[in-house]
Amino acid sequence: MKIWQRCLLAMFALVAIVGRGICASSSAPPVEFPYTGNRTAVWIVAQLHILFAGFILGAPIFVVISEWLGYRKRDPRYDRLAKEVTKVTVILYSMTALTGGLFIFVLLATYPQFTTWLINHFFLIFAVVYPLLFIGETIILYMYFYTWDAWKGEKKPATSR
């Protein structure tokens, strides 16, 4: 087993142990948000996360279509557009992760018993599947962006930047 596989396995084991401990000892009283209330606070954070996530999920389709049009029409403007949208996607990916983390914290603070129940019933998804997908998506997104110029061949139009 390679070192990175051992580190990944250790990280998941640590998340599993700590996550089970936090969920088991969740007897904290819920926090009451002033002015807005708990429902509105959860809604605001969830809506922010969904807005960023919707862009993150939709932008790659636009990028692929723009790249294909640039290749097909031999127009470097489409390729440049695809690269700029990918740059924005890389930046907004961090915002999506931040608002997703904030969403979990707000849920834990406002509805601790429900969130504990949810995490306990879907522990494998929360602790293993979702982190693996998130890490894989991050690696693929950054590889795609940072190898953009290296993958250019003779047939791909040159970006004018």
N, C-alpha and C. Protein backbone atom coordinates (compact mmCIF):
# COMPACT_ATOMS: atom_id res chain seq x y z
N MET A 1 0.85 -1.18 0.00
CA MET A 1 0.00 0.00 0.00
C MET A 1 0.90 1.24 0.00
N LYS A 2 0.59 2.17 -0.87
CA LYS A 2 1.40 3.38 -0.99
C LYS A 2 1.12 4.32 0.17
N ILE A 3 2.02 5.28 0.35
CA ILE A 3 1.92 6.22 1.49
C ILE A 3 0.66 7.07 1.40
N TRP A 4 0.30 7.52 0.19
CA TRP A 4 -0.89 8.37 0.08
C TRP A 4 -2.16 7.58 0.37
N GLN A 5 -2.16 6.28 0.05
CA GLN A 5 -3.31 5.45 0.37
C GLN A 5 -3.44 5.25 1.88
N ARG A 6 -2.30 5.08 2.54
CA ARG A 6 -2.31 4.95 4.01
C ARG A 6 -2.81 6.23 4.67
N CYS A 7 -2.35 7.38 4.16
CA CYS A 7 -2.78 8.67 4.71
C CYS A 7 -4.28 8.87 4.51
N LEU A 8 -4.78 8.53 3.33
CA LEU A 8 -6.20 8.66 3.05
C LEU A 8 -7.03 7.74 3.94
N LEU A 9 -6.57 6.52 4.12
CA LEU A 9 -7.26 5.57 4.99
C LEU A 9 -7.26 6.06 6.44
N ALA A 10 -6.13 6.60 6.90
CA ALA A 10 -6.04 7.13 8.26
C ALA A 10 -6.97 8.33 8.43
N MET A 11 -7.04 9.19 7.41
CA MET A 11 -7.91 10.36 7.49
C MET A 11 -9.37 9.93 7.60
N PHE A 12 -9.79 8.95 6.81
CA PHE A 12 -11.17 8.49 6.88
C PHE A 12 -11.47 7.80 8.21
N ALA A 13 -10.51 7.07 8.73
CA ALA A 13 -10.71 6.44 10.05
C ALA A 13 -10.87 7.51 11.12
N LEU A 14 -10.04 8.55 11.06
CA LEU A 14 -10.14 9.64 12.03
C LEU A 14 -11.48 10.36 11.92
N VAL A 15 -11.93 10.63 10.70
CA VAL A 15 -13.23 11.27 10.50
C VAL A 15 -14.34 10.39 11.06
N ALA A 16 -14.24 9.09 10.83
CA ALA A 16 -15.27 8.17 11.32
C ALA A 16 -15.32 8.15 12.84
N ILE A 17 -14.17 8.08 13.49
CA ILE A 17 -14.12 8.03 14.95
C ILE A 17 -14.61 9.34 15.56
N VAL A 18 -14.09 10.46 15.07
CA VAL A 18 -14.48 11.76 15.61
C VAL A 18 -15.95 12.05 15.31
N GLY A 19 -16.39 11.73 14.10
CA GLY A 19 -17.78 11.97 13.73
C GLY A 19 -18.75 11.19 14.59
N ARG A 20 -18.44 9.93 14.86
CA ARG A 20 -19.30 9.12 15.73
C ARG A 20 -19.33 9.69 17.15
N GLY A 21 -18.16 10.14 17.61
CA GLY A 21 -18.09 10.72 18.96
C GLY A 21 -18.89 12.01 19.08
N ILE A 22 -18.80 12.85 18.09
CA ILE A 22 -19.55 14.11 18.11
C ILE A 22 -21.04 13.85 18.04
N CYS A 23 -21.44 12.93 17.16
CA CYS A 23 -22.86 12.63 17.02
C CYS A 23 -23.42 11.96 18.27
N ALA A 24 -22.62 11.14 18.92
CA ALA A 24 -23.11 10.44 20.11
C ALA A 24 -23.27 11.39 21.29
N SER A 25 -22.43 12.40 21.38
CA SER A 25 -22.47 13.30 22.54
C SER A 25 -23.16 14.63 22.21
N SER A 26 -24.06 14.62 21.24
CA SER A 26 -24.72 15.85 20.85
C SER A 26 -25.96 16.08 21.71
N SER A 27 -25.75 16.64 22.88
CA SER A 27 -26.88 16.97 23.75
C SER A 27 -26.94 18.47 23.99
N ALA A 28 -26.29 19.21 23.12
CA ALA A 28 -26.28 20.67 23.26
C ALA A 28 -27.64 21.22 22.88
N PRO A 29 -28.07 22.25 23.58
CA PRO A 29 -29.36 22.86 23.21
C PRO A 29 -29.24 23.63 21.90
N PRO A 30 -30.31 23.70 21.15
CA PRO A 30 -30.25 24.43 19.88
C PRO A 30 -30.02 25.92 20.08
N VAL A 31 -29.35 26.52 19.14
CA VAL A 31 -29.08 27.96 19.16
C VAL A 31 -30.26 28.67 18.51
N GLU A 32 -30.65 29.80 19.06
CA GLU A 32 -31.71 30.61 18.47
C GLU A 32 -31.09 31.82 17.77
N PHE A 33 -31.30 31.93 16.46
CA PHE A 33 -30.77 33.06 15.73
C PHE A 33 -31.65 34.29 16.00
N PRO A 34 -31.02 35.41 16.35
CA PRO A 34 -31.83 36.61 16.60
C PRO A 34 -32.36 37.20 15.29
N TYR A 35 -33.45 37.89 15.37
CA TYR A 35 -34.09 38.61 14.27
C TYR A 35 -34.71 37.68 13.22
N THR A 36 -33.92 36.75 12.68
CA THR A 36 -34.43 35.93 11.57
C THR A 36 -35.08 34.63 12.03
N GLY A 37 -34.60 34.04 13.07
CA GLY A 37 -35.07 32.73 13.48
C GLY A 37 -34.25 31.63 12.83
N ASN A 38 -34.41 30.42 13.34
CA ASN A 38 -33.60 29.29 12.85
C ASN A 38 -33.93 28.90 11.42
N ARG A 39 -35.19 28.84 11.09
CA ARG A 39 -35.57 28.43 9.74
C ARG A 39 -35.01 29.38 8.69
N THR A 40 -35.11 30.66 8.94
CA THR A 40 -34.61 31.63 7.97
C THR A 40 -33.09 31.57 7.86
N ALA A 41 -32.40 31.37 8.99
CA ALA A 41 -30.93 31.27 8.96
C ALA A 41 -30.49 30.06 8.14
N VAL A 42 -31.14 28.92 8.36
CA VAL A 42 -30.81 27.71 7.59
C VAL A 42 -31.14 27.94 6.12
N TRP A 43 -32.27 28.58 5.84
CA TRP A 43 -32.65 28.83 4.45
C TRP A 43 -31.63 29.72 3.74
N ILE A 44 -31.17 30.78 4.40
CA ILE A 44 -30.22 31.70 3.78
C ILE A 44 -28.92 30.99 3.43
N VAL A 45 -28.39 30.24 4.38
CA VAL A 45 -27.12 29.53 4.14
C VAL A 45 -27.31 28.44 3.09
N ALA A 46 -28.42 27.71 3.16
CA ALA A 46 -28.67 26.66 2.17
C ALA A 46 -28.83 27.27 0.78
N GLN A 47 -29.52 28.39 0.70
CA GLN A 47 -29.72 29.03 -0.61
C GLN A 47 -28.41 29.51 -1.21
N LEU A 48 -27.54 30.09 -0.38
CA LEU A 48 -26.22 30.50 -0.87
C LEU A 48 -25.45 29.30 -1.41
N HIS A 49 -25.48 28.22 -0.65
CA HIS A 49 -24.74 27.03 -1.07
C HIS A 49 -25.32 26.48 -2.38
N ILE A 50 -26.63 26.44 -2.50
CA ILE A 50 -27.26 25.92 -3.71
C ILE A 50 -26.97 26.81 -4.93
N LEU A 51 -26.94 28.12 -4.73
CA LEU A 51 -26.62 29.01 -5.85
C LEU A 51 -25.21 28.76 -6.39
N PHE A 52 -24.23 28.68 -5.47
CA PHE A 52 -22.86 28.39 -5.91
C PHE A 52 -22.75 26.99 -6.50
N ALA A 53 -23.41 26.00 -5.87
CA ALA A 53 -23.33 24.62 -6.34
C ALA A 53 -23.97 24.48 -7.73
N GLY A 54 -25.06 25.19 -7.96
CA GLY A 54 -25.69 25.14 -9.28
C GLY A 54 -24.76 25.65 -10.37
N PHE A 55 -24.03 26.72 -10.07
CA PHE A 55 -23.06 27.23 -11.05
C PHE A 55 -21.94 26.22 -11.26
N ILE A 56 -21.44 25.65 -10.16
CA ILE A 56 -20.34 24.69 -10.25
C ILE A 56 -20.75 23.46 -11.06
N LEU A 57 -22.00 23.05 -10.96
CA LEU A 57 -22.45 21.88 -11.71
C LEU A 57 -22.78 22.22 -13.16
N GLY A 58 -23.22 23.44 -13.44
CA GLY A 58 -23.61 23.80 -14.79
C GLY A 58 -22.49 24.35 -15.65
N ALA A 59 -21.54 25.02 -15.04
CA ALA A 59 -20.47 25.66 -15.80
C ALA A 59 -19.62 24.68 -16.61
N PRO A 60 -19.27 23.51 -16.10
CA PRO A 60 -18.46 22.59 -16.91
C PRO A 60 -19.13 22.18 -18.23
N ILE A 61 -20.44 22.08 -18.23
CA ILE A 61 -21.14 21.75 -19.48
C ILE A 61 -20.94 22.89 -20.49
N PHE A 62 -21.09 24.13 -20.01
CA PHE A 62 -20.87 25.30 -20.85
C PHE A 62 -19.42 25.33 -21.35
N VAL A 63 -18.47 24.99 -20.49
CA VAL A 63 -17.05 24.99 -20.87
C VAL A 63 -16.79 23.96 -21.97
N VAL A 64 -17.33 22.77 -21.82
CA VAL A 64 -17.12 21.73 -22.83
C VAL A 64 -17.73 22.14 -24.17
N ILE A 65 -18.92 22.72 -24.14
CA ILE A 65 -19.55 23.17 -25.38
C ILE A 65 -18.74 24.30 -26.01
N SER A 66 -18.24 25.23 -25.20
CA SER A 66 -17.42 26.32 -25.73
C SER A 66 -16.13 25.79 -26.33
N GLU A 67 -15.51 24.85 -25.66
CA GLU A 67 -14.27 24.26 -26.21
C GLU A 67 -14.54 23.54 -27.53
N TRP A 68 -15.63 22.81 -27.58
CA TRP A 68 -15.97 22.09 -28.80
C TRP A 68 -16.24 23.06 -29.95
N LEU A 69 -16.96 24.16 -29.65
CA LEU A 69 -17.22 25.16 -30.69
C LEU A 69 -15.91 25.80 -31.16
N GLY A 70 -15.01 26.07 -30.23
CA GLY A 70 -13.72 26.65 -30.61
C GLY A 70 -12.92 25.71 -31.49
N TYR A 71 -12.96 24.43 -31.16
CA TYR A 71 -12.25 23.44 -31.97
C TYR A 71 -12.90 23.29 -33.34
N ARG A 72 -14.22 23.23 -33.34
CA ARG A 72 -14.95 23.01 -34.58
C ARG A 72 -14.84 24.19 -35.54
N LYS A 73 -14.96 25.42 -35.01
CA LYS A 73 -14.94 26.61 -35.86
C LYS A 73 -13.56 27.23 -35.99
N ARG A 74 -12.60 26.65 -35.28
CA ARG A 74 -11.22 27.20 -35.30
C ARG A 74 -11.20 28.66 -34.83
N ASP A 75 -12.00 28.96 -33.82
CA ASP A 75 -12.11 30.32 -33.30
C ASP A 75 -11.54 30.34 -31.88
N PRO A 76 -10.44 31.05 -31.67
CA PRO A 76 -9.81 31.06 -30.34
C PRO A 76 -10.65 31.78 -29.28
N ARG A 77 -11.64 32.55 -29.70
CA ARG A 77 -12.47 33.25 -28.71
C ARG A 77 -13.26 32.26 -27.85
N TYR A 78 -13.74 31.17 -28.46
CA TYR A 78 -14.49 30.16 -27.70
C TYR A 78 -13.58 29.47 -26.68
N ASP A 79 -12.37 29.19 -27.11
CA ASP A 79 -11.40 28.55 -26.20
C ASP A 79 -11.06 29.48 -25.04
N ARG A 80 -10.87 30.75 -25.34
CA ARG A 80 -10.58 31.73 -24.30
C ARG A 80 -11.76 31.87 -23.33
N LEU A 81 -12.98 31.88 -23.89
CA LEU A 81 -14.18 31.93 -23.05
C LEU A 81 -14.24 30.71 -22.13
N ALA A 82 -13.96 29.53 -22.67
CA ALA A 82 -13.99 28.32 -21.86
C ALA A 82 -12.96 28.38 -20.74
N LYS A 83 -11.77 28.89 -21.06
CA LYS A 83 -10.72 28.98 -20.03
C LYS A 83 -11.10 29.99 -18.95
N GLU A 84 -11.69 31.11 -19.33
CA GLU A 84 -12.09 32.12 -18.34
C GLU A 84 -13.22 31.61 -17.45
N VAL A 85 -14.17 30.90 -18.03
CA VAL A 85 -15.25 30.34 -17.22
C VAL A 85 -14.69 29.27 -16.27
N THR A 86 -13.73 28.51 -16.74
CA THR A 86 -13.09 27.52 -15.87
C THR A 86 -12.36 28.21 -14.72
N LYS A 87 -11.72 29.33 -14.99
CA LYS A 87 -11.05 30.08 -13.92
C LYS A 87 -12.05 30.55 -12.86
N VAL A 88 -13.18 31.04 -13.30
CA VAL A 88 -14.23 31.47 -12.37
C VAL A 88 -14.77 30.26 -11.60
N THR A 89 -14.90 29.13 -12.28
CA THR A 89 -15.38 27.92 -11.63
C THR A 89 -14.43 27.48 -10.53
N VAL A 90 -13.14 27.55 -10.78
CA VAL A 90 -12.15 27.17 -9.77
C VAL A 90 -12.27 28.08 -8.55
N ILE A 91 -12.48 29.35 -8.76
CA ILE A 91 -12.61 30.29 -7.64
C ILE A 91 -13.91 30.05 -6.88
N LEU A 92 -15.01 29.89 -7.60
CA LEU A 92 -16.30 29.69 -6.94
C LEU A 92 -16.42 28.31 -6.30
N TYR A 93 -15.59 27.38 -6.70
CA TYR A 93 -15.58 26.05 -6.07
C TYR A 93 -15.24 26.19 -4.59
N SER A 94 -14.31 27.08 -4.27
CA SER A 94 -13.96 27.32 -2.87
C SER A 94 -15.13 27.94 -2.11
N MET A 95 -15.84 28.85 -2.74
CA MET A 95 -17.00 29.46 -2.09
C MET A 95 -18.09 28.41 -1.84
N THR A 96 -18.24 27.49 -2.77
CA THR A 96 -19.23 26.43 -2.58
C THR A 96 -18.86 25.55 -1.40
N ALA A 97 -17.58 25.24 -1.27
CA ALA A 97 -17.13 24.43 -0.14
C ALA A 97 -17.32 25.17 1.18
N LEU A 98 -17.01 26.45 1.19
CA LEU A 98 -17.18 27.25 2.41
C LEU A 98 -18.65 27.34 2.83
N THR A 99 -19.53 27.61 1.88
CA THR A 99 -20.94 27.71 2.24
C THR A 99 -21.52 26.34 2.61
N GLY A 100 -21.00 25.27 2.03
CA GLY A 100 -21.43 23.93 2.42
C GLY A 100 -21.01 23.60 3.85
N GLY A 101 -19.78 23.97 4.21
CA GLY A 101 -19.34 23.77 5.59
C GLY A 101 -20.14 24.62 6.56
N LEU A 102 -20.41 25.86 6.18
CA LEU A 102 -21.22 26.74 7.02
C LEU A 102 -22.64 26.17 7.17
N PHE A 103 -23.16 25.58 6.12
CA PHE A 103 -24.49 24.97 6.16
C PHE A 103 -24.54 23.85 7.20
N ILE A 104 -23.52 22.99 7.22
CA ILE A 104 -23.47 21.91 8.21
C ILE A 104 -23.39 22.48 9.63
N PHE A 105 -22.57 23.51 9.84
CA PHE A 105 -22.45 24.11 11.17
C PHE A 105 -23.75 24.76 11.62
N VAL A 106 -24.43 25.44 10.71
CA VAL A 106 -25.70 26.07 11.06
C VAL A 106 -26.74 25.00 11.38
N LEU A 107 -26.76 23.92 10.60
CA LEU A 107 -27.68 22.83 10.91
C LEU A 107 -27.39 22.21 12.27
N LEU A 108 -26.10 21.99 12.57
CA LEU A 108 -25.73 21.43 13.86
C LEU A 108 -26.10 22.36 15.00
N ALA A 109 -25.97 23.66 14.78
CA ALA A 109 -26.28 24.61 15.85
C ALA A 109 -27.78 24.78 16.05
N THR A 110 -28.55 24.79 14.98
CA THR A 110 -29.97 25.08 15.10
C THR A 110 -30.83 23.84 15.33
N TYR A 111 -30.46 22.74 14.72
CA TYR A 111 -31.24 21.50 14.85
C TYR A 111 -30.30 20.34 15.18
N PRO A 112 -29.72 20.32 16.39
CA PRO A 112 -28.70 19.31 16.71
C PRO A 112 -29.23 17.88 16.71
N GLN A 113 -30.44 17.65 17.20
CA GLN A 113 -30.95 16.27 17.27
C GLN A 113 -31.24 15.74 15.86
N PHE A 114 -31.84 16.56 15.03
CA PHE A 114 -32.13 16.12 13.66
C PHE A 114 -30.84 15.86 12.89
N THR A 115 -29.87 16.77 13.01
CA THR A 115 -28.61 16.60 12.29
C THR A 115 -27.86 15.37 12.79
N THR A 116 -27.92 15.12 14.09
CA THR A 116 -27.29 13.93 14.65
C THR A 116 -27.95 12.67 14.10
N TRP A 117 -29.27 12.67 14.06
CA TRP A 117 -30.00 11.53 13.50
C TRP A 117 -29.62 11.32 12.04
N LEU A 118 -29.57 12.41 11.28
CA LEU A 118 -29.24 12.33 9.86
C LEU A 118 -27.84 11.77 9.63
N ILE A 119 -26.87 12.27 10.39
CA ILE A 119 -25.49 11.80 10.23
C ILE A 119 -25.37 10.35 10.67
N ASN A 120 -26.04 9.96 11.74
CA ASN A 120 -25.97 8.57 12.20
C ASN A 120 -26.60 7.61 11.19
N HIS A 121 -27.67 8.00 10.55
CA HIS A 121 -28.33 7.11 9.61
C HIS A 121 -27.65 7.05 8.24
N PHE A 122 -26.97 8.11 7.88
CA PHE A 122 -26.27 8.15 6.59
C PHE A 122 -24.78 8.36 6.80
N PHE A 123 -24.24 7.67 7.79
CA PHE A 123 -22.85 7.89 8.18
C PHE A 123 -21.88 7.54 7.06
N LEU A 124 -22.10 6.43 6.37
CA LEU A 124 -21.20 6.02 5.30
C LEU A 124 -21.12 7.09 4.21
N ILE A 125 -22.25 7.69 3.89
CA ILE A 125 -22.28 8.73 2.86
C ILE A 125 -21.57 9.98 3.35
N PHE A 126 -21.85 10.40 4.61
CA PHE A 126 -21.24 11.61 5.16
C PHE A 126 -19.73 11.45 5.36
N ALA A 127 -19.30 10.27 5.81
CA ALA A 127 -17.90 10.11 6.20
C ALA A 127 -17.00 9.53 5.12
N VAL A 128 -17.55 8.80 4.16
CA VAL A 128 -16.70 8.13 3.18
C VAL A 128 -17.02 8.57 1.74
N VAL A 129 -18.27 8.39 1.33
CA VAL A 129 -18.61 8.62 -0.07
C VAL A 129 -18.46 10.09 -0.44
N TYR A 130 -19.09 10.97 0.33
CA TYR A 130 -19.04 12.39 -0.02
C TYR A 130 -17.61 12.95 0.02
N PRO A 131 -16.81 12.66 1.06
CA PRO A 131 -15.43 13.17 1.02
C PRO A 131 -14.62 12.63 -0.16
N LEU A 132 -14.81 11.36 -0.51
CA LEU A 132 -14.09 10.82 -1.67
C LEU A 132 -14.51 11.52 -2.96
N LEU A 133 -15.80 11.73 -3.14
CA LEU A 133 -16.26 12.44 -4.33
C LEU A 133 -15.76 13.88 -4.36
N PHE A 134 -15.78 14.53 -3.21
CA PHE A 134 -15.33 15.91 -3.12
C PHE A 134 -13.84 16.03 -3.45
N ILE A 135 -13.03 15.14 -2.89
CA ILE A 135 -11.59 15.15 -3.16
C ILE A 135 -11.33 14.83 -4.63
N GLY A 136 -12.04 13.85 -5.17
CA GLY A 136 -11.86 13.51 -6.59
C GLY A 136 -12.25 14.66 -7.51
N GLU A 137 -13.36 15.31 -7.20
CA GLU A 137 -13.79 16.45 -8.01
C GLU A 137 -12.79 17.59 -7.94
N THR A 138 -12.25 17.83 -6.75
CA THR A 138 -11.24 18.89 -6.59
C THR A 138 -10.01 18.59 -7.43
N ILE A 139 -9.53 17.37 -7.37
CA ILE A 139 -8.33 16.99 -8.12
C ILE A 139 -8.57 17.13 -9.62
N ILE A 140 -9.71 16.64 -10.09
CA ILE A 140 -10.01 16.72 -11.52
C ILE A 140 -10.17 18.16 -11.99
N LEU A 141 -10.85 18.99 -11.19
CA LEU A 141 -11.05 20.39 -11.58
C LEU A 141 -9.73 21.14 -11.67
N TYR A 142 -8.87 20.98 -10.68
CA TYR A 142 -7.60 21.69 -10.71
C TYR A 142 -6.66 21.14 -11.78
N MET A 143 -6.68 19.83 -12.02
CA MET A 143 -5.87 19.27 -13.10
C MET A 143 -6.34 19.80 -14.45
N TYR A 144 -7.65 19.88 -14.61
CA TYR A 144 -8.21 20.38 -15.86
C TYR A 144 -7.78 21.82 -16.11
N PHE A 145 -7.84 22.64 -15.09
CA PHE A 145 -7.50 24.05 -15.26
C PHE A 145 -5.99 24.24 -15.46
N TYR A 146 -5.18 23.60 -14.63
CA TYR A 146 -3.74 23.85 -14.68
C TYR A 146 -3.02 23.10 -15.80
N THR A 147 -3.68 22.16 -16.47
CA THR A 147 -3.06 21.51 -17.62
C THR A 147 -3.68 22.01 -18.93
N TRP A 148 -4.40 23.11 -18.85
CA TRP A 148 -5.09 23.63 -20.03
C TRP A 148 -4.14 23.86 -21.20
N ASP A 149 -3.07 24.61 -20.95
CA ASP A 149 -2.14 24.95 -22.03
C ASP A 149 -1.29 23.75 -22.45
N ALA A 150 -1.01 22.85 -21.51
CA ALA A 150 -0.19 21.68 -21.84
C ALA A 150 -0.92 20.72 -22.77
N TRP A 151 -2.24 20.68 -22.73
CA TRP A 151 -3.02 19.77 -23.56
C TRP A 151 -3.31 20.33 -24.94
N LYS A 152 -2.88 21.55 -25.19
CA LYS A 152 -3.11 22.12 -26.52
C LYS A 152 -2.26 21.38 -27.54
N GLY A 153 -2.90 21.03 -28.60
CA GLY A 153 -2.18 20.38 -29.69
C GLY A 153 -2.19 21.27 -30.91
N GLU A 154 -1.86 20.70 -32.02
CA GLU A 154 -1.85 21.47 -33.26
C GLU A 154 -3.26 21.89 -33.67
N LYS A 155 -4.23 21.03 -33.39
CA LYS A 155 -5.59 21.29 -33.85
C LYS A 155 -6.36 22.25 -32.95
N LYS A 156 -5.91 22.39 -31.73
CA LYS A 156 -6.63 23.27 -30.80
C LYS A 156 -6.17 24.70 -31.04
N PRO A 157 -7.10 25.66 -31.14
CA PRO A 157 -6.69 27.05 -31.40
C PRO A 157 -5.93 27.63 -30.22
N ALA A 158 -5.01 28.50 -30.51
CA ALA A 158 -4.19 29.13 -29.46
C ALA A 158 -5.00 30.19 -28.74
N THR A 159 -4.84 30.23 -27.42
CA THR A 159 -5.49 31.26 -26.62
C THR A 159 -4.62 32.49 -26.65
N SER A 160 -5.23 33.63 -26.82
CA SER A 160 -4.45 34.85 -26.94
C SER A 160 -4.19 35.50 -25.59
N ARG A 161 -3.66 34.75 -24.64
CA ARG A 161 -3.27 35.32 -23.35
C ARG A 161 -2.06 34.65 -22.82
